[in-house]
Amino acid sequence: MEPKEKALKAVQLLEEAYPDAICSLVYTDPFQLLVATRLAAQCTDKRVNMVTPALFEQFPTAASFANASIEEVETPIKTCGLYKTKARDIVHMSQMLCEVYGGTVPDTIEALTQLPGVGRKTANLIIGDIFGKPAVVVDTHCIRITGRLGFHQIKEAAKIEKSLRELLPPDRSNDFCHRLVLHGRAVCKAGQPQCNSCCLNEICSYAAEHK
């Protein structure tokens, strides 16, 4: 099976297994998703969703974060881990958004990755979920599962993103990445992948090697 054919098959199988492909972070506008995604680094989405309602009630806009002290933002996000770095990034990011973009979230990866604390993973999530552009969100689930499928033998996220952009249908790549998260949590786990019950086992290199 050719790589593009295999990738399309993986897309189709995951669409059947997980018809609802949505981001598990709760948000009401682009800026909230940007902040929530920054908080989710090395933290569970479940924990972030517990923290953000009170956080966004206290700081409802980019301007309110921009005018806050870093210490003020640290307090409500302490349980998310790395809270000092995250608070600093969120305040500085908000200041740049207000100064350069009038408080609105830009719609390109190039612009987003200029914001403090925003890498390509976050930028792809924003342009895919908010602006409906082709996106490849390379998180730990994506790296693990696409590697096991045999799409690459790479560890560097940027190179994996480039490789997957060449294989995946652009209009389905963002949802594919959301489905990888669901599949990684439920079936293709880091420690004990459940290959026998996996919807991808017929096309998976790892499953073939571990029969």
Protein backbone atom coordinates (compact mmCIF):
# COMPACT_ATOMS: atom_id res chain seq x y z
CA MET A 1 0.00 0.00 0.00
CA GLU A 2 1.40 3.39 -1.03
CA PRO A 3 1.94 5.93 1.80
CA LYS A 4 -0.82 8.31 0.63
CA GLU A 5 -3.23 5.42 0.19
CA LYS A 6 -2.38 4.16 3.66
CA ALA A 7 -2.85 7.63 5.14
CA LEU A 8 -6.26 8.00 3.52
CA LYS A 9 -7.25 4.59 4.86
CA ALA A 10 -6.18 5.66 8.36
CA VAL A 11 -8.26 8.82 8.02
CA GLN A 12 -11.31 6.80 6.96
CA LEU A 13 -10.95 4.19 9.71
CA LEU A 14 -10.65 6.82 12.42
CA GLU A 15 -13.62 8.74 11.03
CA GLU A 16 -15.69 5.58 11.40
CA ALA A 17 -14.42 4.87 14.91
CA TYR A 18 -14.66 8.46 16.17
CA PRO A 19 -17.31 10.34 14.20
CA ASP A 20 -17.13 13.35 16.53
CA ALA A 21 -13.71 14.96 16.18
CA ILE A 22 -13.60 17.99 18.43
CA CYS A 23 -11.02 19.63 20.61
CA SER A 24 -11.47 18.56 24.23
CA LEU A 25 -10.56 22.01 25.53
CA VAL A 26 -13.59 24.16 26.39
CA TYR A 27 -13.61 27.70 24.99
CA THR A 28 -15.98 30.35 23.64
CA ASP A 29 -13.69 32.43 21.42
CA PRO A 30 -10.31 32.19 19.64
CA PHE A 31 -8.41 33.93 22.42
CA GLN A 32 -9.74 31.52 25.05
CA LEU A 33 -8.58 28.56 22.97
CA LEU A 34 -5.15 30.15 22.63
CA VAL A 35 -4.84 30.56 26.40
CA ALA A 36 -6.27 27.11 27.16
CA THR A 37 -3.85 25.47 24.75
CA ARG A 38 -0.90 27.20 26.42
CA LEU A 39 -2.14 25.97 29.80
CA ALA A 40 -2.47 22.42 28.46
CA ALA A 41 1.28 21.98 27.94
CA GLN A 42 2.33 19.08 30.20
CA CYS A 43 -1.13 19.20 31.77
CA THR A 44 -4.35 17.32 31.06
CA ASP A 45 -7.18 18.96 29.14
CA LYS A 46 -9.47 17.88 31.98
CA ARG A 47 -7.48 19.91 34.49
CA VAL A 48 -7.33 22.93 32.17
CA ASN A 49 -11.12 22.82 31.75
CA MET A 50 -11.46 22.91 35.53
CA VAL A 51 -9.28 26.02 35.77
CA THR A 52 -10.39 28.16 32.81
CA PRO A 53 -13.96 29.10 33.82
CA ALA A 54 -12.77 31.08 36.84
CA LEU A 55 -9.71 32.33 34.95
CA PHE A 56 -11.77 33.75 32.09
CA GLU A 57 -14.28 35.24 34.49
CA GLN A 58 -11.42 37.14 36.14
CA PHE A 59 -9.69 37.95 32.82
CA PRO A 60 -12.32 37.90 30.03
CA THR A 61 -10.27 39.52 27.26
CA ALA A 62 -6.75 39.83 25.91
CA ALA A 63 -6.69 43.39 27.24
CA SER A 64 -7.51 42.25 30.77
CA PHE A 65 -4.64 39.76 30.69
CA ALA A 66 -2.35 42.37 29.15
CA ASN A 67 -3.06 44.77 32.01
CA ALA A 68 -2.62 42.14 34.71
CA SER A 69 0.58 41.39 36.57
CA ILE A 70 2.17 38.01 36.02
CA GLU A 71 1.62 37.24 39.71
CA GLU A 72 -2.12 37.87 39.34
CA VAL A 73 -2.33 35.31 36.55
CA GLU A 74 -0.17 32.77 38.40
CA THR A 75 -2.63 32.28 41.25
CA PRO A 76 -5.63 30.79 39.38
CA ILE A 77 -3.48 28.55 37.14
CA LYS A 78 -1.18 27.00 39.76
CA THR A 79 -2.70 23.53 39.43
CA CYS A 80 -1.85 23.41 35.70
CA GLY A 81 1.87 23.00 36.38
CA LEU A 82 4.71 25.21 35.13
CA TYR A 83 2.41 28.04 36.16
CA LYS A 84 5.10 30.71 36.42
CA THR A 85 6.25 30.22 32.83
CA LYS A 86 2.68 29.89 31.57
CA ALA A 87 1.53 33.05 33.37
CA ARG A 88 4.46 35.02 31.95
CA ASP A 89 3.77 33.77 28.43
CA ILE A 90 0.03 34.49 28.64
CA VAL A 91 0.56 38.05 29.87
CA HIS A 92 3.25 38.81 27.26
CA MET A 93 1.23 37.09 24.52
CA SER A 94 -1.80 39.19 25.43
CA GLN A 95 0.24 42.37 25.38
CA MET A 96 1.54 41.58 21.90
CA LEU A 97 -1.94 40.69 20.67
CA CYS A 98 -3.23 44.06 21.88
CA GLU A 99 -0.28 46.06 20.59
CA VAL A 100 0.08 44.42 17.18
CA TYR A 101 -3.29 42.85 16.36
CA GLY A 102 -5.80 44.99 18.23
CA GLY A 103 -6.60 42.19 20.66
CA THR A 104 -7.63 39.71 17.96
CA VAL A 105 -6.00 36.35 17.26
CA PRO A 106 -4.15 36.24 13.90
CA ASP A 107 -4.99 33.54 11.37
CA THR A 108 -1.58 32.35 10.14
CA ILE A 109 0.98 30.00 11.63
CA GLU A 110 3.71 32.54 10.91
CA ALA A 111 1.99 35.28 12.92
CA LEU A 112 0.88 32.99 15.73
CA THR A 113 4.33 31.55 16.31
CA GLN A 114 5.68 35.06 16.85
CA LEU A 115 3.56 35.27 20.01
CA PRO A 116 5.35 34.44 23.29
CA GLY A 117 4.83 30.80 24.27
CA VAL A 118 3.11 29.79 21.01
CA GLY A 119 4.72 26.98 19.04
CA ARG A 120 3.64 25.23 15.86
CA LYS A 121 1.42 22.74 17.69
CA THR A 122 -0.67 25.52 19.22
CA ALA A 123 -0.64 27.54 16.01
CA ASN A 124 -1.90 24.58 13.98
CA LEU A 125 -4.69 23.98 16.47
CA ILE A 126 -5.82 27.59 16.19
CA ILE A 127 -5.76 27.80 12.40
CA GLY A 128 -7.51 24.44 12.10
CA ASP A 129 -10.21 24.76 14.75
CA ILE A 130 -10.84 28.49 14.56
CA PHE A 131 -10.11 29.43 10.97
CA GLY A 132 -10.83 26.13 9.22
CA LYS A 133 -7.47 26.00 7.45
CA PRO A 134 -5.51 22.80 6.79
CA ALA A 135 -3.63 21.94 9.97
CA VAL A 136 -1.53 19.16 11.45
CA VAL A 137 -1.37 19.23 15.25
CA VAL A 138 1.66 17.18 16.25
CA ASP A 139 1.27 16.23 19.88
CA THR A 140 2.49 13.13 21.73
CA HIS A 141 -0.43 11.03 20.48
CA CYS A 142 0.19 12.07 16.89
CA ILE A 143 3.91 11.33 17.12
CA ARG A 144 3.35 7.92 18.71
CA ILE A 145 0.51 6.65 16.54
CA THR A 146 1.73 7.89 13.16
CA GLY A 147 5.13 6.42 13.99
CA ARG A 148 3.59 3.06 14.85
CA LEU A 149 1.55 3.15 11.67
CA GLY A 150 4.81 3.46 9.76
CA PHE A 151 4.33 6.96 8.35
CA HIS A 152 7.72 8.08 9.63
CA GLN A 153 10.62 7.26 11.93
CA ILE A 154 11.06 10.82 13.14
CA LYS A 155 10.97 12.35 16.61
CA GLU A 156 11.17 16.04 15.66
CA ALA A 157 7.67 17.55 15.61
CA ALA A 158 8.28 20.04 12.80
CA LYS A 159 9.58 17.31 10.49
CA ILE A 160 6.63 15.07 11.36
CA GLU A 161 4.25 17.91 10.57
CA LYS A 162 5.87 18.40 7.17
CA SER A 163 5.75 14.68 6.44
CA LEU A 164 2.09 14.34 7.40
CA ARG A 165 1.09 17.42 5.39
CA GLU A 166 2.41 15.60 2.33
CA LEU A 167 0.37 12.46 3.11
CA LEU A 168 -2.95 13.62 4.58
CA PRO A 169 -5.91 15.15 2.72
CA PRO A 170 -5.66 18.86 3.71
CA ASP A 171 -9.38 19.24 4.40
CA ARG A 172 -9.35 16.27 6.81
CA SER A 173 -5.96 16.57 8.47
CA ASN A 174 -7.07 18.67 11.45
CA ASP A 175 -9.89 16.34 12.42
CA PHE A 176 -7.56 13.38 11.88
CA CYS A 177 -5.26 14.79 14.56
CA HIS A 178 -8.16 15.23 16.99
CA ARG A 179 -9.13 11.62 16.39
CA LEU A 180 -5.57 10.52 17.07
CA VAL A 181 -5.86 12.05 20.55
CA LEU A 182 -9.07 10.12 21.23
CA HIS A 183 -7.56 6.91 19.86
CA GLY A 184 -4.33 7.39 21.79
CA ARG A 185 -6.19 7.79 25.06
CA ALA A 186 -8.53 4.86 24.48
CA VAL A 187 -6.60 2.26 22.48
CA CYS A 188 -3.12 3.08 21.17
CA LYS A 189 -1.66 3.91 24.55
CA ALA A 190 2.00 4.62 25.14
CA GLY A 191 2.66 1.69 27.44
CA GLN A 192 0.18 -1.00 26.42
CA PRO A 193 -1.33 -0.51 22.97
CA GLN A 194 -4.45 -2.64 22.51
CA CYS A 195 -3.61 -3.85 19.02
CA ASN A 196 -6.19 -6.65 18.96
CA SER A 197 -9.06 -4.20 19.35
CA CYS A 198 -7.55 -1.39 17.27
CA CYS A 199 -9.42 -0.11 14.23
CA LEU A 200 -6.07 0.60 12.55
CA ASN A 201 -4.43 -2.80 13.05
CA GLU A 202 -4.95 -3.89 9.43
CA ILE A 203 -2.65 -1.11 8.18
CA CYS A 204 -0.36 -0.70 11.20
CA SER A 205 3.32 -1.61 10.98
CA TYR A 206 3.62 -1.91 14.78
CA ALA A 207 0.65 -4.29 14.97
CA ALA A 208 2.07 -6.42 12.17
CA GLU A 209 5.39 -6.71 13.99
CA HIS A 210 3.79 -7.60 17.33
CA LYS A 211 1.35 -10.32 16.34
